[in-house]
Amino acid sequence: MSFFTFFLKCLYNRQAILASRFRPSIHVIGHICFTIVIALLPYCLYLTFTISSGFNHVNNALSHQEIEFSIENQQLQTDMDSIPYHLETNDSFQLILDPNSQLTTEAISGNGLLMQGEYASLHFNNLDQRVTYSLLGEESKSKIEILEQLDSIQSFLPILFIIMSLMIISVMIGSAFLGTSILAMVASLFFRQNSSIHFIQLWKIAAHTMPLPVILYAWIVVFLNDLPILFLFITLTSLYLYLLFKLPRKKKSRKTA
């Protein structure tokens, strides 16, 4: 049976998951890595789209002719008559200049950028990020210079997205190995009397139990940010315990008189 066929069967077939305890360890390692990649692919694409779109919106808003500002001594400076100054672009993105820091981030209704005395706060597609002006350097920066820096950052974004995605996936693969190992160690305590079931077999079953709950949770989180991680833990643990209960038991031999 091919790797991908077995992977698909582990999403719904109980017998395939239980039979995975006899698979070579190298296949199980690949199974875990492939599961994490599939699970995180929508999130990485969503994060890439959100950051890229956020940069475009910020760039368009700051490029507006009505906006005049500079960063001096890591402080926002502006000669605008109305302070705080509100601007809403055609793409429903807000820009608020508040050099005196009179407002809070709640002033942003929807997507927008709030530039205050020492930092700027971005809210875009449920992503909140605060950036201090010290990242621009100690020298004074005009509006044109800041826009040029944003353009240079945007040209580097594709490489940054690849590096960021690889880092996220690597961390989560490590977490998956740790999680399956913990599940197997706990389960091994209950199988000490069963010599036919070993830790490595319990670990392989845990690894093949993971795809369905992990993939569903990771995909749902992209749309429901407030879904607690406890939901994944309970679902994965319950499914694992159910499958262990279905393991074939070693029959006791009857003593003959």
C-alpha atoms as a PDB file:
ATOM      1  CA  MET A   1       0.000   0.000   0.000  1.00  0.00           C
ATOM      2  CA  SER A   2       1.397   3.419  -0.962  1.00  0.00           C
ATOM      3  CA  PHE A   3       2.178   6.106   1.588  1.00  0.00           C
ATOM      4  CA  PHE A   4      -0.634   8.425   0.488  1.00  0.00           C
ATOM      5  CA  THR A   5      -3.216   5.627   0.333  1.00  0.00           C
ATOM      6  CA  PHE A   6      -2.371   4.561   3.876  1.00  0.00           C
ATOM      7  CA  PHE A   7      -2.455   8.182   5.036  1.00  0.00           C
ATOM      8  CA  LEU A   8      -5.988   8.630   3.667  1.00  0.00           C
ATOM      9  CA  LYS A   9      -7.152   5.368   5.242  1.00  0.00           C
ATOM     10  CA  CYS A  10      -5.893   6.537   8.643  1.00  0.00           C
ATOM     11  CA  LEU A  11      -8.366   9.418   8.451  1.00  0.00           C
ATOM     12  CA  TYR A  12     -11.349   7.098   8.758  1.00  0.00           C
ATOM     13  CA  ASN A  13     -10.321   3.443   9.077  1.00  0.00           C
ATOM     14  CA  ARG A  14      -9.825   2.124  12.596  1.00  0.00           C
ATOM     15  CA  GLN A  15      -8.141  -1.069  11.460  1.00  0.00           C
ATOM     16  CA  ALA A  16      -5.579   0.867   9.426  1.00  0.00           C
ATOM     17  CA  ILE A  17      -4.622   2.947  12.470  1.00  0.00           C
ATOM     18  CA  LEU A  18      -4.245  -0.151  14.656  1.00  0.00           C
ATOM     19  CA  ALA A  19      -2.251  -1.924  11.949  1.00  0.00           C
ATOM     20  CA  SER A  20       0.151   1.032  11.837  1.00  0.00           C
ATOM     21  CA  ARG A  21       1.938  -0.386  14.879  1.00  0.00           C
ATOM     22  CA  PHE A  22       3.702  -2.768  12.488  1.00  0.00           C
ATOM     23  CA  ARG A  23       4.869  -0.065  10.042  1.00  0.00           C
ATOM     24  CA  PRO A  24       8.573   0.860   9.790  1.00  0.00           C
ATOM     25  CA  SER A  25       9.516   3.814  11.997  1.00  0.00           C
ATOM     26  CA  ILE A  26      10.775   5.855   9.044  1.00  0.00           C
ATOM     27  CA  HIS A  27       7.290   5.716   7.512  1.00  0.00           C
ATOM     28  CA  VAL A  28       5.767   6.860  10.793  1.00  0.00           C
ATOM     29  CA  ILE A  29       8.159   9.823  10.957  1.00  0.00           C
ATOM     30  CA  GLY A  30       7.139  10.787   7.427  1.00  0.00           C
ATOM     31  CA  HIS A  31       3.494  10.356   8.416  1.00  0.00           C
ATOM     32  CA  ILE A  32       3.851  12.870  11.267  1.00  0.00           C
ATOM     33  CA  CYS A  33       5.718  15.395   9.129  1.00  0.00           C
ATOM     34  CA  PHE A  34       3.196  15.119   6.284  1.00  0.00           C
ATOM     35  CA  THR A  35       0.297  15.544   8.734  1.00  0.00           C
ATOM     36  CA  ILE A  36       1.722  18.783  10.113  1.00  0.00           C
ATOM     37  CA  VAL A  37       2.418  20.179   6.642  1.00  0.00           C
ATOM     38  CA  ILE A  38      -1.160  19.476   5.500  1.00  0.00           C
ATOM     39  CA  ALA A  39      -2.584  20.851   8.752  1.00  0.00           C
ATOM     40  CA  LEU A  40      -0.616  24.117   8.661  1.00  0.00           C
ATOM     41  CA  LEU A  41      -0.817  24.799   4.935  1.00  0.00           C
ATOM     42  CA  PRO A  42      -4.077  26.844   5.116  1.00  0.00           C
ATOM     43  CA  TYR A  43      -2.784  28.805   8.129  1.00  0.00           C
ATOM     44  CA  CYS A  44       0.514  29.660   6.430  1.00  0.00           C
ATOM     45  CA  LEU A  45      -1.326  30.751   3.267  1.00  0.00           C
ATOM     46  CA  TYR A  46      -3.758  32.830   5.333  1.00  0.00           C
ATOM     47  CA  LEU A  47      -0.916  34.437   7.287  1.00  0.00           C
ATOM     48  CA  THR A  48       0.938  35.202   4.055  1.00  0.00           C
ATOM     49  CA  PHE A  49      -2.144  36.771   2.492  1.00  0.00           C
ATOM     50  CA  THR A  50      -2.928  38.796   5.628  1.00  0.00           C
ATOM     51  CA  ILE A  51       0.575  40.242   6.022  1.00  0.00           C
ATOM     52  CA  SER A  52       0.937  40.969   2.301  1.00  0.00           C
ATOM     53  CA  SER A  53      -2.479  42.653   2.130  1.00  0.00           C
ATOM     54  CA  GLY A  54      -1.743  44.569   5.323  1.00  0.00           C
ATOM     55  CA  PHE A  55       1.461  45.985   3.830  1.00  0.00           C
ATOM     56  CA  ASN A  56      -0.409  47.032   0.694  1.00  0.00           C
ATOM     57  CA  HIS A  57      -3.150  48.773   2.682  1.00  0.00           C
ATOM     58  CA  VAL A  58      -0.644  50.565   4.926  1.00  0.00           C
ATOM     59  CA  ASN A  59       1.415  51.659   1.920  1.00  0.00           C
ATOM     60  CA  ASN A  60      -1.654  52.995   0.103  1.00  0.00           C
ATOM     61  CA  ALA A  61      -2.907  54.835   3.181  1.00  0.00           C
ATOM     62  CA  LEU A  62       0.439  56.468   3.990  1.00  0.00           C
ATOM     63  CA  SER A  63       0.868  57.477   0.341  1.00  0.00           C
ATOM     64  CA  HIS A  64      -2.316  59.542   0.460  1.00  0.00           C
ATOM     65  CA  GLN A  65      -1.704  63.200  -0.440  1.00  0.00           C
ATOM     66  CA  GLU A  66      -3.504  64.506   2.653  1.00  0.00           C
ATOM     67  CA  ILE A  67      -1.164  62.675   5.023  1.00  0.00           C
ATOM     68  CA  GLU A  68       1.978  64.484   6.193  1.00  0.00           C
ATOM     69  CA  PHE A  69       4.161  63.188   9.002  1.00  0.00           C
ATOM     70  CA  SER A  70       7.703  62.312  10.012  1.00  0.00           C
ATOM     71  CA  ILE A  71       9.506  60.336  12.698  1.00  0.00           C
ATOM     72  CA  GLU A  72      11.950  62.395  14.756  1.00  0.00           C
ATOM     73  CA  ASN A  73      13.786  61.012  17.785  1.00  0.00           C
ATOM     74  CA  GLN A  74      11.586  57.920  17.466  1.00  0.00           C
ATOM     75  CA  GLN A  75       8.480  60.082  17.937  1.00  0.00           C
ATOM     76  CA  LEU A  76       5.636  60.748  15.511  1.00  0.00           C
ATOM     77  CA  GLN A  77       5.528  64.368  14.314  1.00  0.00           C
ATOM     78  CA  THR A  78       2.825  65.899  12.135  1.00  0.00           C
ATOM     79  CA  ASP A  79       1.614  69.372  11.129  1.00  0.00           C
ATOM     80  CA  MET A  80      -1.951  68.222  10.429  1.00  0.00           C
ATOM     81  CA  ASP A  81      -4.542  70.744  11.621  1.00  0.00           C
ATOM     82  CA  SER A  82      -6.958  68.214  13.096  1.00  0.00           C
ATOM     83  CA  ILE A  83      -5.460  65.942  15.762  1.00  0.00           C
ATOM     84  CA  PRO A  84      -6.212  63.035  15.998  1.00  0.00           C
ATOM     85  CA  TYR A  85      -6.586  62.880  12.225  1.00  0.00           C
ATOM     86  CA  HIS A  86      -8.800  60.183  10.682  1.00  0.00           C
ATOM     87  CA  LEU A  87      -8.564  58.991   7.091  1.00  0.00           C
ATOM     88  CA  GLU A  88     -10.542  56.149   5.516  1.00  0.00           C
ATOM     89  CA  THR A  89      -9.354  54.903   2.147  1.00  0.00           C
ATOM     90  CA  ASN A  90     -11.535  53.523  -0.633  1.00  0.00           C
ATOM     91  CA  ASP A  91     -10.752  49.935   0.470  1.00  0.00           C
ATOM     92  CA  SER A  92     -12.287  50.524   3.939  1.00  0.00           C
ATOM     93  CA  PHE A  93      -8.919  50.844   5.638  1.00  0.00           C
ATOM     94  CA  GLN A  94      -8.527  53.466   8.379  1.00  0.00           C
ATOM     95  CA  LEU A  95      -5.455  55.545   9.118  1.00  0.00           C
ATOM     96  CA  ILE A  96      -5.387  57.508  12.365  1.00  0.00           C
ATOM     97  CA  LEU A  97      -2.607  59.942  13.265  1.00  0.00           C
ATOM     98  CA  ASP A  98      -2.526  60.471  17.017  1.00  0.00           C
ATOM     99  CA  PRO A  99       0.880  61.939  17.989  1.00  0.00           C
ATOM    100  CA  ASN A 100      -0.361  62.856  21.471  1.00  0.00           C
ATOM    101  CA  SER A 101      -1.532  59.272  22.157  1.00  0.00           C
ATOM    102  CA  GLN A 102      -5.039  60.346  23.105  1.00  0.00           C
ATOM    103  CA  LEU A 103      -6.761  57.245  21.675  1.00  0.00           C
ATOM    104  CA  THR A 104      -6.676  53.516  22.305  1.00  0.00           C
ATOM    105  CA  THR A 105      -6.614  50.692  19.774  1.00  0.00           C
ATOM    106  CA  GLU A 106     -10.409  50.485  20.181  1.00  0.00           C
ATOM    107  CA  ALA A 107     -10.567  53.603  18.006  1.00  0.00           C
ATOM    108  CA  ILE A 108      -9.876  51.323  15.025  1.00  0.00           C
ATOM    109  CA  SER A 109     -13.203  49.974  13.811  1.00  0.00           C
ATOM    110  CA  GLY A 110     -12.424  47.264  11.306  1.00  0.00           C
ATOM    111  CA  ASN A 111      -9.064  47.224   9.541  1.00  0.00           C
ATOM    112  CA  GLY A 112      -6.712  50.109  10.137  1.00  0.00           C
ATOM    113  CA  LEU A 113      -3.454  51.615  11.359  1.00  0.00           C
ATOM    114  CA  LEU A 114      -3.206  53.791  14.470  1.00  0.00           C
ATOM    115  CA  MET A 115       0.003  55.846  14.542  1.00  0.00           C
ATOM    116  CA  GLN A 116       0.699  57.280  17.983  1.00  0.00           C
ATOM    117  CA  GLY A 117       3.579  59.002  19.720  1.00  0.00           C
ATOM    118  CA  GLU A 118       6.053  56.124  20.100  1.00  0.00           C
ATOM    119  CA  TYR A 119       4.502  53.251  18.186  1.00  0.00           C
ATOM    120  CA  ALA A 120       1.993  52.217  15.540  1.00  0.00           C
ATOM    121  CA  SER A 121      -0.760  49.616  16.017  1.00  0.00           C
ATOM    122  CA  LEU A 122      -2.066  47.615  13.070  1.00  0.00           C
ATOM    123  CA  HIS A 123      -5.338  45.691  13.080  1.00  0.00           C
ATOM    124  CA  PHE A 124      -6.027  43.666   9.952  1.00  0.00           C
ATOM    125  CA  ASN A 125      -8.076  40.477   9.502  1.00  0.00           C
ATOM    126  CA  ASN A 126      -7.993  39.608  13.231  1.00  0.00           C
ATOM    127  CA  LEU A 127      -4.223  40.186  13.278  1.00  0.00           C
ATOM    128  CA  ASP A 128      -3.047  42.742  15.859  1.00  0.00           C
ATOM    129  CA  GLN A 129       0.512  44.011  15.786  1.00  0.00           C
ATOM    130  CA  ARG A 130       2.245  46.871  17.602  1.00  0.00           C
ATOM    131  CA  VAL A 131       5.503  48.224  16.155  1.00  0.00           C
ATOM    132  CA  THR A 132       7.753  50.819  17.765  1.00  0.00           C
ATOM    133  CA  TYR A 133       9.389  53.504  15.625  1.00  0.00           C
ATOM    134  CA  SER A 134      12.802  52.462  16.968  1.00  0.00           C
ATOM    135  CA  LEU A 135      12.774  49.764  14.250  1.00  0.00           C
ATOM    136  CA  LEU A 136      13.230  52.556  11.708  1.00  0.00           C
ATOM    137  CA  GLY A 137      16.547  53.536  13.260  1.00  0.00           C
ATOM    138  CA  GLU A 138      17.686  56.488  15.347  1.00  0.00           C
ATOM    139  CA  GLU A 139      17.806  58.953  12.460  1.00  0.00           C
ATOM    140  CA  SER A 140      14.830  61.148  11.587  1.00  0.00           C
ATOM    141  CA  LYS A 141      12.657  59.756   8.814  1.00  0.00           C
ATOM    142  CA  SER A 142      10.409  61.683   6.460  1.00  0.00           C
ATOM    143  CA  LYS A 143       7.231  60.260   4.975  1.00  0.00           C
ATOM    144  CA  ILE A 144       8.992  59.526   1.668  1.00  0.00           C
ATOM    145  CA  GLU A 145      11.861  57.711   3.405  1.00  0.00           C
ATOM    146  CA  ILE A 146       9.420  55.585   5.404  1.00  0.00           C
ATOM    147  CA  LEU A 147       7.532  54.644   2.249  1.00  0.00           C
ATOM    148  CA  GLU A 148      10.822  53.670   0.598  1.00  0.00           C
ATOM    149  CA  GLN A 149      11.622  51.400   3.553  1.00  0.00           C
ATOM    150  CA  LEU A 150       8.194  49.792   3.278  1.00  0.00           C
ATOM    151  CA  ASP A 151       8.804  49.129  -0.421  1.00  0.00           C
ATOM    152  CA  SER A 152      12.144  47.478   0.335  1.00  0.00           C
ATOM    153  CA  ILE A 153      10.515  45.299   3.008  1.00  0.00           C
ATOM    154  CA  GLN A 154       7.748  44.281   0.602  1.00  0.00           C
ATOM    155  CA  SER A 155      10.303  43.109  -1.959  1.00  0.00           C
ATOM    156  CA  PHE A 156      11.756  40.805   0.714  1.00  0.00           C
ATOM    157  CA  LEU A 157       8.362  39.436   1.835  1.00  0.00           C
ATOM    158  CA  PRO A 158       8.293  36.297  -0.384  1.00  0.00           C
ATOM    159  CA  ILE A 159      11.555  35.044   1.123  1.00  0.00           C
ATOM    160  CA  LEU A 160      10.379  36.057   4.596  1.00  0.00           C
ATOM    161  CA  PHE A 161       7.132  34.106   4.161  1.00  0.00           C
ATOM    162  CA  ILE A 162       9.032  30.956   3.158  1.00  0.00           C
ATOM    163  CA  ILE A 163      11.377  31.225   6.154  1.00  0.00           C
ATOM    164  CA  MET A 164       8.509  31.998   8.521  1.00  0.00           C
ATOM    165  CA  SER A 165       6.422  29.061   7.245  1.00  0.00           C
ATOM    166  CA  LEU A 166       9.353  26.648   7.563  1.00  0.00           C
ATOM    167  CA  MET A 167       9.980  27.817  11.133  1.00  0.00           C
ATOM    168  CA  ILE A 168       6.315  27.403  12.114  1.00  0.00           C
ATOM    169  CA  ILE A 169       6.126  23.939  10.544  1.00  0.00           C
ATOM    170  CA  SER A 170       9.419  22.849  12.169  1.00  0.00           C
ATOM    171  CA  VAL A 171       8.271  23.932  15.627  1.00  0.00           C
ATOM    172  CA  MET A 172       4.926  22.175  15.226  1.00  0.00           C
ATOM    173  CA  ILE A 173       6.569  18.967  13.959  1.00  0.00           C
ATOM    174  CA  GLY A 174       8.704  18.952  17.104  1.00  0.00           C
ATOM    175  CA  SER A 175       5.577  19.525  19.200  1.00  0.00           C
ATOM    176  CA  ALA A 176       3.822  16.651  17.403  1.00  0.00           C
ATOM    177  CA  PHE A 177       6.677  14.247  18.181  1.00  0.00           C
ATOM    178  CA  LEU A 178       6.625  15.366  21.813  1.00  0.00           C
ATOM    179  CA  GLY A 179       2.840  15.026  22.074  1.00  0.00           C
ATOM    180  CA  THR A 180       2.707  11.544  20.563  1.00  0.00           C
ATOM    181  CA  SER A 181       5.577  10.420  22.800  1.00  0.00           C
ATOM    182  CA  ILE A 182       3.758  11.659  25.916  1.00  0.00           C
ATOM    183  CA  LEU A 183       0.561   9.874  24.866  1.00  0.00           C
ATOM    184  CA  ALA A 184       2.507   6.657  24.278  1.00  0.00           C
ATOM    185  CA  MET A 185       4.329   6.904  27.626  1.00  0.00           C
ATOM    186  CA  VAL A 186       1.068   7.348  29.516  1.00  0.00           C
ATOM    187  CA  ALA A 187      -0.535   4.474  27.600  1.00  0.00           C
ATOM    188  CA  SER A 188       2.445   2.200  28.256  1.00  0.00           C
ATOM    189  CA  LEU A 189       1.709   2.402  31.980  1.00  0.00           C
ATOM    190  CA  PHE A 190      -1.572   0.585  31.349  1.00  0.00           C
ATOM    191  CA  PHE A 191      -0.011  -2.042  29.086  1.00  0.00           C
ATOM    192  CA  ARG A 192       2.793  -3.140  31.388  1.00  0.00           C
ATOM    193  CA  GLN A 193       1.163  -6.529  31.901  1.00  0.00           C
ATOM    194  CA  ASN A 194       0.725  -7.074  28.158  1.00  0.00           C
ATOM    195  CA  SER A 195       4.059  -8.261  26.774  1.00  0.00           C
ATOM    196  CA  SER A 196       2.768  -8.210  23.193  1.00  0.00           C
ATOM    197  CA  ILE A 197       2.304  -4.405  23.206  1.00  0.00           C
ATOM    198  CA  HIS A 198       5.457  -2.287  23.381  1.00  0.00           C
ATOM    199  CA  PHE A 199       6.065   1.451  23.706  1.00  0.00           C
ATOM    200  CA  ILE A 200       7.125   1.846  20.075  1.00  0.00           C
ATOM    201  CA  GLN A 201       3.843   0.276  18.944  1.00  0.00           C
ATOM    202  CA  LEU A 202       1.824   2.608  21.160  1.00  0.00           C
ATOM    203  CA  TRP A 203       3.791   5.534  19.757  1.00  0.00           C
ATOM    204  CA  LYS A 204       3.064   4.490  16.171  1.00  0.00           C
ATOM    205  CA  ILE A 205      -0.655   4.225  16.945  1.00  0.00           C
ATOM    206  CA  ALA A 206      -0.582   7.696  18.542  1.00  0.00           C
ATOM    207  CA  ALA A 207       1.126   9.092  15.446  1.00  0.00           C
ATOM    208  CA  HIS A 208      -1.534   7.643  13.153  1.00  0.00           C
ATOM    209  CA  THR A 209      -4.368   8.772  15.428  1.00  0.00           C
ATOM    210  CA  MET A 210      -3.226  12.362  15.023  1.00  0.00           C
ATOM    211  CA  PRO A 211      -4.102  13.325  11.386  1.00  0.00           C
ATOM    212  CA  LEU A 212      -7.893  13.722  11.536  1.00  0.00           C
ATOM    213  CA  PRO A 213      -8.207  15.774  14.778  1.00  0.00           C
ATOM    214  CA  VAL A 214      -5.054  17.827  14.118  1.00  0.00           C
ATOM    215  CA  ILE A 215      -5.940  18.688  10.515  1.00  0.00           C
ATOM    216  CA  LEU A 216      -9.548  19.570  11.365  1.00  0.00           C
ATOM    217  CA  TYR A 217      -8.484  21.713  14.328  1.00  0.00           C
ATOM    218  CA  ALA A 218      -5.790  23.560  12.371  1.00  0.00           C
ATOM    219  CA  TRP A 219      -8.156  24.286   9.482  1.00  0.00           C
ATOM    220  CA  ILE A 220     -10.992  25.426  11.754  1.00  0.00           C
ATOM    221  CA  VAL A 221      -8.678  27.752  13.722  1.00  0.00           C
ATOM    222  CA  VAL A 222      -7.999  29.697  10.519  1.00  0.00           C
ATOM    223  CA  PHE A 223     -11.638  30.842  10.616  1.00  0.00           C
ATOM    224  CA  LEU A 224     -12.372  30.585  14.371  1.00  0.00           C
ATOM    225  CA  ASN A 225      -9.464  32.152  16.239  1.00  0.00           C
ATOM    226  CA  ASP A 226     -10.982  31.566  19.660  1.00  0.00           C
ATOM    227  CA  LEU A 227     -11.154  27.754  19.429  1.00  0.00           C
ATOM    228  CA  PRO A 228      -9.214  26.579  22.507  1.00  0.00           C
ATOM    229  CA  ILE A 229      -6.309  24.147  22.217  1.00  0.00           C
ATOM    230  CA  LEU A 230      -8.015  22.111  24.954  1.00  0.00           C
ATOM    231  CA  PHE A 231     -10.556  21.023  22.330  1.00  0.00           C
ATOM    232  CA  LEU A 232      -7.785  19.372  20.304  1.00  0.00           C
ATOM    233  CA  PHE A 233      -6.263  17.743  23.393  1.00  0.00           C
ATOM    234  CA  ILE A 234      -9.566  16.209  24.518  1.00  0.00           C
ATOM    235  CA  THR A 235     -10.487  15.028  21.011  1.00  0.00           C
ATOM    236  CA  LEU A 236      -7.079  13.483  20.297  1.00  0.00           C
ATOM    237  CA  THR A 237      -6.805  11.809  23.711  1.00  0.00           C
ATOM    238  CA  SER A 238     -10.347  10.409  23.549  1.00  0.00           C
ATOM    239  CA  LEU A 239      -9.810   8.979  20.074  1.00  0.00           C
ATOM    240  CA  TYR A 240      -6.472   7.468  21.111  1.00  0.00           C
ATOM    241  CA  LEU A 241      -7.975   5.799  24.189  1.00  0.00           C
ATOM    242  CA  TYR A 242     -10.846   4.441  22.108  1.00  0.00           C
ATOM    243  CA  LEU A 243      -8.419   2.884  19.616  1.00  0.00           C
ATOM    244  CA  LEU A 244      -6.297   1.364  22.387  1.00  0.00           C
ATOM    245  CA  PHE A 245      -9.428  -0.196  23.837  1.00  0.00           C
ATOM    246  CA  LYS A 246      -9.990  -1.865  20.450  1.00  0.00           C
ATOM    247  CA  LEU A 247      -6.525  -3.427  20.408  1.00  0.00           C
ATOM    248  CA  PRO A 248      -6.679  -7.236  20.268  1.00  0.00           C
ATOM    249  CA  ARG A 249      -6.050  -8.721  23.694  1.00  0.00           C
ATOM    250  CA  LYS A 250      -3.785 -11.660  24.274  1.00  0.00           C
ATOM    251  CA  LYS A 251      -5.963 -14.629  25.175  1.00  0.00           C
ATOM    252  CA  LYS A 252      -5.092 -16.386  28.402  1.00  0.00           C
ATOM    253  CA  SER A 253      -4.358 -20.062  27.991  1.00  0.00           C
ATOM    254  CA  ARG A 254      -6.637 -22.380  29.951  1.00  0.00           C
ATOM    255  CA  LYS A 255      -5.029 -24.680  32.451  1.00  0.00           C
ATOM    256  CA  THR A 256      -5.937 -28.284  31.993  1.00  0.00           C
ATOM    257  CA  ALA A 257      -6.329 -30.484  35.049  1.00  0.00           C
END
